[in-house]
Each structure stands twice: as C-alpha cells, then as structure tokens.
PDB file of N, CA and C in Angstrom:
ATOM      1  N   MET A   1      88.723 117.779 130.859  1.00  0.00           N
ATOM      2  CA  MET A   1      88.727 118.005 132.282  1.00  0.00           C
ATOM      3  C   MET A   1      87.400 117.506 132.842  1.00  0.00           C
ATOM      4  N   ILE A   2      87.455 116.732 133.829  1.00  0.00           N
ATOM      5  CA  ILE A   2      86.272 116.174 134.468  1.00  0.00           C
ATOM      6  C   ILE A   2      86.060 116.926 135.775  1.00  0.00           C
ATOM      7  N   PHE A   3      84.807 117.404 135.923  1.00  0.00           N
ATOM      8  CA  PHE A   3      84.478 118.167 137.117  1.00  0.00           C
ATOM      9  C   PHE A   3      83.744 117.247 138.074  1.00  0.00           C
ATOM     10  N   LEU A   4      84.306 116.989 139.200  1.00  0.00           N
ATOM     11  CA  LEU A   4      83.697 116.110 140.188  1.00  0.00           C
ATOM     12  C   LEU A   4      83.129 116.947 141.321  1.00  0.00           C
ATOM     13  N   MET A   5      81.900 116.626 141.702  1.00  0.00           N
ATOM     14  CA  MET A   5      81.243 117.370 142.786  1.00  0.00           C
ATOM     15  C   MET A   5      81.100 116.450 143.984  1.00  0.00           C
ATOM     16  N   GLY A   6      81.270 117.039 145.125  1.00  0.00           N
ATOM     17  CA  GLY A   6      81.090 116.278 146.339  1.00  0.00           C
ATOM     18  C   GLY A   6      79.623 116.246 146.744  1.00  0.00           C
ATOM     19  N   ASP A   7      79.307 115.480 147.759  1.00  0.00           N
ATOM     20  CA  ASP A   7      77.919 115.354 148.226  1.00  0.00           C
ATOM     21  C   ASP A   7      77.365 116.692 148.703  1.00  0.00           C
ATOM     22  N   ASN A   8      78.187 117.475 149.379  1.00  0.00           N
ATOM     23  CA  ASN A   8      77.737 118.777 149.886  1.00  0.00           C
ATOM     24  C   ASN A   8      77.401 119.724 148.730  1.00  0.00           C
ATOM     25  N   GLU A   9      78.252 119.689 147.710  1.00  0.00           N
ATOM     26  CA  GLU A   9      78.003 120.565 146.564  1.00  0.00           C
ATOM     27  C   GLU A   9      76.728 120.163 145.819  1.00  0.00           C
ATOM     28  N   ILE A  10      76.510 118.864 145.697  1.00  0.00           N
ATOM     29  CA  ILE A  10      75.281 118.380 145.035  1.00  0.00           C
ATOM     30  C   ILE A  10      74.057 118.789 145.842  1.00  0.00           C
ATOM     31  N   LYS A  11      74.124 118.673 147.160  1.00  0.00           N
ATOM     32  CA  LYS A  11      73.001 119.062 148.015  1.00  0.00           C
ATOM     33  C   LYS A  11      72.726 120.566 147.900  1.00  0.00           C
ATOM     34  N   GLU A  12      73.780 121.369 147.803  1.00  0.00           N
ATOM     35  CA  GLU A  12      73.604 122.816 147.652  1.00  0.00           C
ATOM     36  C   GLU A  12      72.930 123.141 146.319  1.00  0.00           C
ATOM     37  N   VAL A  13      73.355 122.465 145.260  1.00  0.00           N
ATOM     38  CA  VAL A  13      72.757 122.692 143.942  1.00  0.00           C
ATOM     39  C   VAL A  13      71.291 122.282 143.956  1.00  0.00           C
ATOM     40  N   LEU A  14      70.985 121.141 144.557  1.00  0.00           N
ATOM     41  CA  LEU A  14      69.587 120.687 144.634  1.00  0.00           C
ATOM     42  C   LEU A  14      68.746 121.649 145.464  1.00  0.00           C
ATOM     43  N   LYS A  15      69.326 122.176 146.546  1.00  0.00           N
ATOM     44  CA  LYS A  15      68.605 123.137 147.375  1.00  0.00           C
ATOM     45  C   LYS A  15      68.314 124.411 146.590  1.00  0.00           C
ATOM     46  N   LYS A  16      69.311 124.900 145.857  1.00  0.00           N
ATOM     47  CA  LYS A  16      69.100 126.100 145.024  1.00  0.00           C
ATOM     48  C   LYS A  16      68.054 125.832 143.945  1.00  0.00           C
ATOM     49  N   GLN A  17      68.088 124.637 143.384  1.00  0.00           N
ATOM     50  CA  GLN A  17      67.120 124.282 142.351  1.00  0.00           C
ATOM     51  C   GLN A  17      65.702 124.255 142.924  1.00  0.00           C
ATOM     52  N   GLU A  18      65.531 123.715 144.102  1.00  0.00           N
ATOM     53  CA  GLU A  18      64.209 123.687 144.747  1.00  0.00           C
ATOM     54  C   GLU A  18      63.728 125.100 145.057  1.00  0.00           C
ATOM     55  N   GLU A  19      64.625 125.964 145.531  1.00  0.00           N
ATOM     56  CA  GLU A  19      64.258 127.355 145.810  1.00  0.00           C
ATOM     57  C   GLU A  19      63.827 128.062 144.527  1.00  0.00           C
ATOM     58  N   THR A  20      64.551 127.807 143.456  1.00  0.00           N
ATOM     59  CA  THR A  20      64.197 128.409 142.172  1.00  0.00           C
ATOM     60  C   THR A  20      62.839 127.902 141.698  1.00  0.00           C
ATOM     61  N   LEU A  21      62.588 126.627 141.863  1.00  0.00           N
ATOM     62  CA  LEU A  21      61.305 126.042 141.464  1.00  0.00           C
ATOM     63  C   LEU A  21      60.147 126.649 142.258  1.00  0.00           C
ATOM     64  N   VAL A  22      60.373 126.872 143.548  1.00  0.00           N
ATOM     65  CA  VAL A  22      59.335 127.492 144.385  1.00  0.00           C
ATOM     66  C   VAL A  22      59.061 128.919 143.897  1.00  0.00           C
ATOM     67  N   LEU A  23      60.106 129.669 143.587  1.00  0.00           N
ATOM     68  CA  LEU A  23      59.933 131.041 143.102  1.00  0.00           C
ATOM     69  C   LEU A  23      59.223 131.063 141.749  1.00  0.00           C
ATOM     70  N   VAL A  24      59.584 130.158 140.863  1.00  0.00           N
ATOM     71  CA  VAL A  24      58.921 130.087 139.555  1.00  0.00           C
ATOM     72  C   VAL A  24      57.450 129.741 139.735  1.00  0.00           C
ATOM     73  N   HIS A  25      57.145 128.843 140.656  1.00  0.00           N
ATOM     74  CA  HIS A  25      55.756 128.483 140.930  1.00  0.00           C
ATOM     75  C   HIS A  25      54.976 129.698 141.453  1.00  0.00           C
ATOM     76  N   LYS A  26      55.579 130.469 142.346  1.00  0.00           N
ATOM     77  CA  LYS A  26      54.921 131.671 142.861  1.00  0.00           C
ATOM     78  C   LYS A  26      54.701 132.700 141.760  1.00  0.00           C
ATOM     79  N   LEU A  27      55.695 132.862 140.903  1.00  0.00           N
ATOM     80  CA  LEU A  27      55.543 133.800 139.782  1.00  0.00           C
ATOM     81  C   LEU A  27      54.431 133.354 138.836  1.00  0.00           C
ATOM     82  N   TRP A  28      54.369 132.068 138.552  1.00  0.00           N
ATOM     83  CA  TRP A  28      53.326 131.542 137.667  1.00  0.00           C
ATOM     84  C   TRP A  28      51.937 131.776 138.272  1.00  0.00           C
ATOM     85  N   ARG A  29      51.808 131.520 139.562  1.00  0.00           N
ATOM     86  CA  ARG A  29      50.522 131.721 140.233  1.00  0.00           C
ATOM     87  C   ARG A  29      50.137 133.202 140.233  1.00  0.00           C
ATOM     88  N   ALA A  30      51.109 134.090 140.477  1.00  0.00           N
ATOM     89  CA  ALA A  30      50.826 135.528 140.462  1.00  0.00           C
ATOM     90  C   ALA A  30      50.403 135.980 139.067  1.00  0.00           C
ATOM     91  N   GLU A  31      51.041 135.460 138.033  1.00  0.00           N
ATOM     92  CA  GLU A  31      50.676 135.815 136.659  1.00  0.00           C
ATOM     93  C   GLU A  31      49.273 135.325 136.329  1.00  0.00           C
ATOM     94  N   LYS A  32      48.927 134.132 136.793  1.00  0.00           N
ATOM     95  CA  LYS A  32      47.585 133.596 136.561  1.00  0.00           C
ATOM     96  C   LYS A  32      46.524 134.482 137.207  1.00  0.00           C
ATOM     97  N   TRP A  33      46.763 134.893 138.442  1.00  0.00           N
ATOM     98  CA  TRP A  33      45.790 135.752 139.124  1.00  0.00           C
ATOM     99  C   TRP A  33      45.723 137.143 138.501  1.00  0.00           C
ATOM    100  N   ARG A  34      46.869 137.637 137.988  1.00  0.00           N
ATOM    101  CA  ARG A  34      46.859 138.926 137.304  1.00  0.00           C
ATOM    102  C   ARG A  34      45.964 138.864 136.078  1.00  0.00           C
ATOM    103  N   ARG A  35      46.034 137.777 135.341  1.00  0.00           N
ATOM    104  CA  ARG A  35      45.181 137.605 134.162  1.00  0.00           C
ATOM    105  C   ARG A  35      43.708 137.513 134.553  1.00  0.00           C
ATOM    106  N   VAL A  36      43.425 136.759 135.610  1.00  0.00           N
ATOM    107  CA  VAL A  36      42.038 136.616 136.061  1.00  0.00           C
ATOM    108  C   VAL A  36      41.475 137.970 136.453  1.00  0.00           C
ATOM    109  N   TRP A  37      42.213 138.740 137.234  1.00  0.00           N
ATOM    110  CA  TRP A  37      41.712 140.050 137.670  1.00  0.00           C
ATOM    111  C   TRP A  37      41.573 141.015 136.507  1.00  0.00           C
ATOM    112  N   LYS A  38      42.435 140.894 135.500  1.00  0.00           N
ATOM    113  CA  LYS A  38      42.321 141.751 134.325  1.00  0.00           C
ATOM    114  C   LYS A  38      41.020 141.455 133.575  1.00  0.00           C
ATOM    115  N   VAL A  39      40.686 140.173 133.441  1.00  0.00           N
ATOM    116  CA  VAL A  39      39.430 139.791 132.780  1.00  0.00           C
ATOM    117  C   VAL A  39      38.244 140.273 133.603  1.00  0.00           C
ATOM    118  N   VAL A  40      38.298 140.093 134.921  1.00  0.00           N
ATOM    119  CA  VAL A  40      37.197 140.546 135.785  1.00  0.00           C
ATOM    120  C   VAL A  40      37.023 142.056 135.666  1.00  0.00           C
ATOM    121  N   LYS A  41      38.130 142.791 135.646  1.00  0.00           N
ATOM    122  CA  LYS A  41      38.058 144.242 135.532  1.00  0.00           C
ATOM    123  C   LYS A  41      37.427 144.654 134.198  1.00  0.00           C
ATOM    124  N   CYS A  42      37.808 143.982 133.124  1.00  0.00           N
ATOM    125  CA  CYS A  42      37.219 144.294 131.807  1.00  0.00           C
ATOM    126  C   CYS A  42      35.723 143.992 131.790  1.00  0.00           C
ATOM    127  N   VAL A  43      35.322 142.887 132.394  1.00  0.00           N
ATOM    128  CA  VAL A  43      33.901 142.541 132.439  1.00  0.00           C
ATOM    129  C   VAL A  43      33.120 143.583 133.240  1.00  0.00           C
ATOM    130  N   VAL A  44      33.689 144.040 134.354  1.00  0.00           N
ATOM    131  CA  VAL A  44      33.013 145.058 135.167  1.00  0.00           C
ATOM    132  C   VAL A  44      32.885 146.364 134.382  1.00  0.00           C
ATOM    133  N   PHE A  45      33.956 146.772 133.702  1.00  0.00           N
ATOM    134  CA  PHE A  45      33.891 148.005 132.908  1.00  0.00           C
ATOM    135  C   PHE A  45      32.863 147.892 131.789  1.00  0.00           C
ATOM    136  N   LEU A  46      32.827 146.757 131.113  1.00  0.00           N
ATOM    137  CA  LEU A  46      31.832 146.563 130.059  1.00  0.00           C
ATOM    138  C   LEU A  46      30.415 146.578 130.637  1.00  0.00           C
ATOM    139  N   GLY A  47      30.247 145.995 131.813  1.00  0.00           N
ATOM    140  CA  GLY A  47      28.941 146.021 132.465  1.00  0.00           C
ATOM    141  C   GLY A  47      28.509 147.439 132.809  1.00  0.00           C
ATOM    142  N   ILE A  48      29.439 148.233 133.285  1.00  0.00           N
ATOM    143  CA  ILE A  48      29.133 149.627 133.612  1.00  0.00           C
ATOM    144  C   ILE A  48      28.758 150.401 132.354  1.00  0.00           C
ATOM    145  N   ILE A  49      29.495 150.173 131.276  1.00  0.00           N
ATOM    146  CA  ILE A  49      29.212 150.879 130.022  1.00  0.00           C
ATOM    147  C   ILE A  49      27.847 150.488 129.482  1.00  0.00           C
ATOM    148  N   VAL A  50      27.543 149.188 129.471  1.00  0.00           N
ATOM    149  CA  VAL A  50      26.239 148.736 128.973  1.00  0.00           C
ATOM    150  C   VAL A  50      25.119 149.250 129.871  1.00  0.00           C
ATOM    151  N   GLY A  51      25.323 149.210 131.183  1.00  0.00           N
ATOM    152  CA  GLY A  51      24.320 149.720 132.111  1.00  0.00           C
ATOM    153  C   GLY A  51      24.081 151.207 131.928  1.00  0.00           C
ATOM    154  N   ALA A  52      25.149 151.963 131.757  1.00  0.00           N
ATOM    155  CA  ALA A  52      25.006 153.403 131.539  1.00  0.00           C
ATOM    156  C   ALA A  52      24.274 153.673 130.229  1.00  0.00           C
ATOM    157  N   PHE A  53      24.619 152.931 129.196  1.00  0.00           N
ATOM    158  CA  PHE A  53      23.934 153.108 127.916  1.00  0.00           C
ATOM    159  C   PHE A  53      22.447 152.784 128.052  1.00  0.00           C
ATOM    160  N   TYR A  54      22.128 151.700 128.759  1.00  0.00           N
ATOM    161  CA  TYR A  54      20.738 151.307 128.973  1.00  0.00           C
ATOM    162  C   TYR A  54      19.995 152.381 129.778  1.00  0.00           C
ATOM    163  N   PHE A  55      20.654 152.978 130.762  1.00  0.00           N
ATOM    164  CA  PHE A  55      20.035 153.991 131.607  1.00  0.00           C
ATOM    165  C   PHE A  55      19.847 155.310 130.867  1.00  0.00           C
ATOM    166  N   ILE A  56      20.812 155.689 130.030  1.00  0.00           N
ATOM    167  CA  ILE A  56      20.799 156.992 129.360  1.00  0.00           C
ATOM    168  C   ILE A  56      19.962 156.995 128.087  1.00  0.00           C
ATOM    169  N   THR A  57      19.742 155.842 127.478  1.00  0.00           N
ATOM    170  CA  THR A  57      19.040 155.761 126.191  1.00  0.00           C
ATOM    171  C   THR A  57      17.702 156.492 126.176  1.00  0.00           C
ATOM    172  N   PRO A  58      16.811 156.338 127.160  1.00  0.00           N
ATOM    173  CA  PRO A  58      15.532 157.057 127.098  1.00  0.00           C
ATOM    174  C   PRO A  58      15.695 158.580 127.066  1.00  0.00           C
ATOM    175  N   TYR A  59      16.676 159.081 127.814  1.00  0.00           N
ATOM    176  CA  TYR A  59      16.899 160.528 127.834  1.00  0.00           C
ATOM    177  C   TYR A  59      17.432 161.022 126.495  1.00  0.00           C
ATOM    178  N   VAL A  60      18.315 160.260 125.891  1.00  0.00           N
ATOM    179  CA  VAL A  60      18.864 160.635 124.589  1.00  0.00           C
ATOM    180  C   VAL A  60      17.763 160.602 123.530  1.00  0.00           C
ATOM    181  N   GLU A  61      16.937 159.567 123.576  1.00  0.00           N
ATOM    182  CA  GLU A  61      15.829 159.489 122.612  1.00  0.00           C
ATOM    183  C   GLU A  61      14.873 160.670 122.779  1.00  0.00           C
ATOM    184  N   ARG A  62      14.594 161.045 124.014  1.00  0.00           N
ATOM    185  CA  ARG A  62      13.707 162.184 124.261  1.00  0.00           C
ATOM    186  C   ARG A  62      14.334 163.472 123.733  1.00  0.00           C
ATOM    187  N   TYR A  63      15.636 163.646 123.967  1.00  0.00           N
ATOM    188  CA  TYR A  63      16.349 164.829 123.484  1.00  0.00           C
ATOM    189  C   TYR A  63      16.324 164.894 121.958  1.00  0.00           C
ATOM    190  N   ILE A  64      16.575 163.777 121.308  1.00  0.00           N
ATOM    191  CA  ILE A  64      16.543 163.744 119.839  1.00  0.00           C
ATOM    192  C   ILE A  64      15.139 164.053 119.331  1.00  0.00           C
ATOM    193  N   GLY A  65      14.123 163.517 120.008  1.00  0.00           N
ATOM    194  CA  GLY A  65      12.739 163.818 119.629  1.00  0.00           C
ATOM    195  C   GLY A  65      12.431 165.308 119.753  1.00  0.00           C
ATOM    196  N   LEU A  66      12.918 165.932 120.825  1.00  0.00           N
ATOM    197  CA  LEU A  66      12.705 167.372 121.003  1.00  0.00           C
ATOM    198  C   LEU A  66      13.382 168.177 119.897  1.00  0.00           C
ATOM    199  N   ILE A  67      14.589 167.793 119.568  1.00  0.00           N
ATOM    200  CA  ILE A  67      15.292 168.503 118.494  1.00  0.00           C
ATOM    201  C   ILE A  67      14.523 168.390 117.189  1.00  0.00           C
ATOM    202  N   GLN A  68      14.014 167.212 116.896  1.00  0.00           N
ATOM    203  CA  GLN A  68      13.246 167.027 115.665  1.00  0.00           C
ATOM    204  C   GLN A  68      11.958 167.854 115.695  1.00  0.00           C
ATOM    205  N   GLN A  69      11.332 167.942 116.867  1.00  0.00           N
ATOM    206  CA  GLN A  69      10.117 168.740 116.974  1.00  0.00           C
ATOM    207  C   GLN A  69      10.433 170.222 116.792  1.00  0.00           C
ATOM    208  N   PHE A  70      11.543 170.705 117.369  1.00  0.00           N
ATOM    209  CA  PHE A  70      11.902 172.115 117.218  1.00  0.00           C
ATOM    210  C   PHE A  70      12.262 172.454 115.775  1.00  0.00           C
ATOM    211  N   GLN A  71      12.779 171.489 115.051  1.00  0.00           N
ATOM    212  CA  GLN A  71      13.097 171.729 113.643  1.00  0.00           C
ATOM    213  C   GLN A  71      11.822 171.853 112.808  1.00  0.00           C
ATOM    214  N   GLY A  72      10.743 171.266 113.282  1.00  0.00           N
ATOM    215  CA  GLY A  72       9.494 171.305 112.528  1.00  0.00           C
ATOM    216  C   GLY A  72       8.577 172.452 112.921  1.00  0.00           C
ATOM    217  N   ILE A  73       9.048 173.394 113.745  1.00  0.00           N
ATOM    218  CA  ILE A  73       8.212 174.519 114.179  1.00  0.00           C
ATOM    219  C   ILE A  73       7.994 175.466 113.000  1.00  0.00           C
ATOM    220  N   LYS A  74       6.712 175.782 112.781  1.00  0.00           N
ATOM    221  CA  LYS A  74       6.378 176.729 111.717  1.00  0.00           C
ATOM    222  C   LYS A  74       5.674 177.959 112.251  1.00  0.00           C
ATOM    223  N   GLY A  75       5.261 177.877 113.494  1.00  0.00           N
ATOM    224  CA  GLY A  75       4.563 179.025 114.054  1.00  0.00           C
ATOM    225  C   GLY A  75       4.496 178.937 115.560  1.00  0.00           C
ATOM    226  N   PRO A  76       3.921 179.981 116.197  1.00  0.00           N
ATOM    227  CA  PRO A  76       3.839 180.005 117.665  1.00  0.00           C
ATOM    228  C   PRO A  76       2.956 178.886 118.224  1.00  0.00           C
ATOM    229  N   GLN A  77       1.963 178.456 117.458  1.00  0.00           N
ATOM    230  CA  GLN A  77       1.096 177.387 117.952  1.00  0.00           C
ATOM    231  C   GLN A  77       1.880 176.072 118.088  1.00  0.00           C
ATOM    232  N   ASP A  78       2.762 175.813 117.136  1.00  0.00           N
ATOM    233  CA  ASP A  78       3.592 174.606 117.220  1.00  0.00           C
ATOM    234  C   ASP A  78       4.502 174.668 118.450  1.00  0.00           C
ATOM    235  N   LEU A  79       5.087 175.842 118.708  1.00  0.00           N
ATOM    236  CA  LEU A  79       5.957 176.012 119.862  1.00  0.00           C
ATOM    237  C   LEU A  79       5.177 175.821 121.155  1.00  0.00           C
ATOM    238  N   GLN A  80       3.968 176.368 121.209  1.00  0.00           N
ATOM    239  CA  GLN A  80       3.129 176.211 122.404  1.00  0.00           C
ATOM    240  C   GLN A  80       2.809 174.738 122.631  1.00  0.00           C
ATOM    241  N   GLY A  81       2.526 173.989 121.590  1.00  0.00           N
ATOM    242  CA  GLY A  81       2.235 172.556 121.719  1.00  0.00           C
ATOM    243  C   GLY A  81       3.433 171.774 122.234  1.00  0.00           C
ATOM    244  N   ILE A  82       4.624 172.100 121.754  1.00  0.00           N
ATOM    245  CA  ILE A  82       5.838 171.408 122.215  1.00  0.00           C
ATOM    246  C   ILE A  82       6.102 171.718 123.676  1.00  0.00           C
ATOM    247  N   LEU A  83       5.930 172.988 124.079  1.00  0.00           N
ATOM    248  CA  LEU A  83       6.160 173.367 125.467  1.00  0.00           C
ATOM    249  C   LEU A  83       5.170 172.688 126.392  1.00  0.00           C
ATOM    250  N   GLU A  84       3.957 172.481 125.957  1.00  0.00           N
ATOM    251  CA  GLU A  84       2.971 171.783 126.802  1.00  0.00           C
ATOM    252  C   GLU A  84       3.311 170.298 126.916  1.00  0.00           C
ATOM    253  N   GLN A  85       3.905 169.733 125.867  1.00  0.00           N
ATOM    254  CA  GLN A  85       4.309 168.326 125.958  1.00  0.00           C
ATOM    255  C   GLN A  85       5.440 168.137 126.961  1.00  0.00           C
ATOM    256  N   LEU A  86       6.266 169.159 127.132  1.00  0.00           N
ATOM    257  CA  LEU A  86       7.395 169.057 128.051  1.00  0.00           C
ATOM    258  C   LEU A  86       6.953 169.084 129.508  1.00  0.00           C
ATOM    259  N   LYS A  87       5.778 169.587 129.786  1.00  0.00           N
ATOM    260  CA  LYS A  87       5.310 169.676 131.178  1.00  0.00           C
ATOM    261  C   LYS A  87       4.998 168.368 131.749  1.00  0.00           C
TER     262      LYS A  87
END
C-alpha cells in the first residue's frame, strides 16, 4: 500500500516538525541553564563553607588550647594563671 500525501498534509507535517524543533531547542537551553546554576550554587556553598571554616578556625584553636591548659592544671596557681590569660 502506498501512502500519498497532498501538499497541505506535507505542510502540516513540516509545521509540526518545526514546532517540535523549537520546543526541543527551548528544553535544551533550559537544561543548559539548569546545569550552569547548579554549578554556581555548588561553588557558592563551597565558598561559604571555606569562609566559615577560615573565620571559625582561630576560635576553635583557642578553645582546644584552653582545654589542653585545663587538663594540665595541678594546683590553684595554674588555674589563676589560665584565668588571667583569658582576660
């Protein structure tokens, strides 16, 4: 069986094909931008984490130093010295 299409039917098929191509192009562009924004979001989160770590590090080091000093207390004089360092 041979299927013959008229000019109108061919034009309709071509029109539908062009519409589909436009939609596929829009979907591809949206997917590309979704990927770009995902990478940007990850970079921003990593920047925040590194910045927070950089900002908090001195306080953590000081806290660890205090804990080590309190572990080494042998008498009231040692405690008095540590308390004066905290001022």
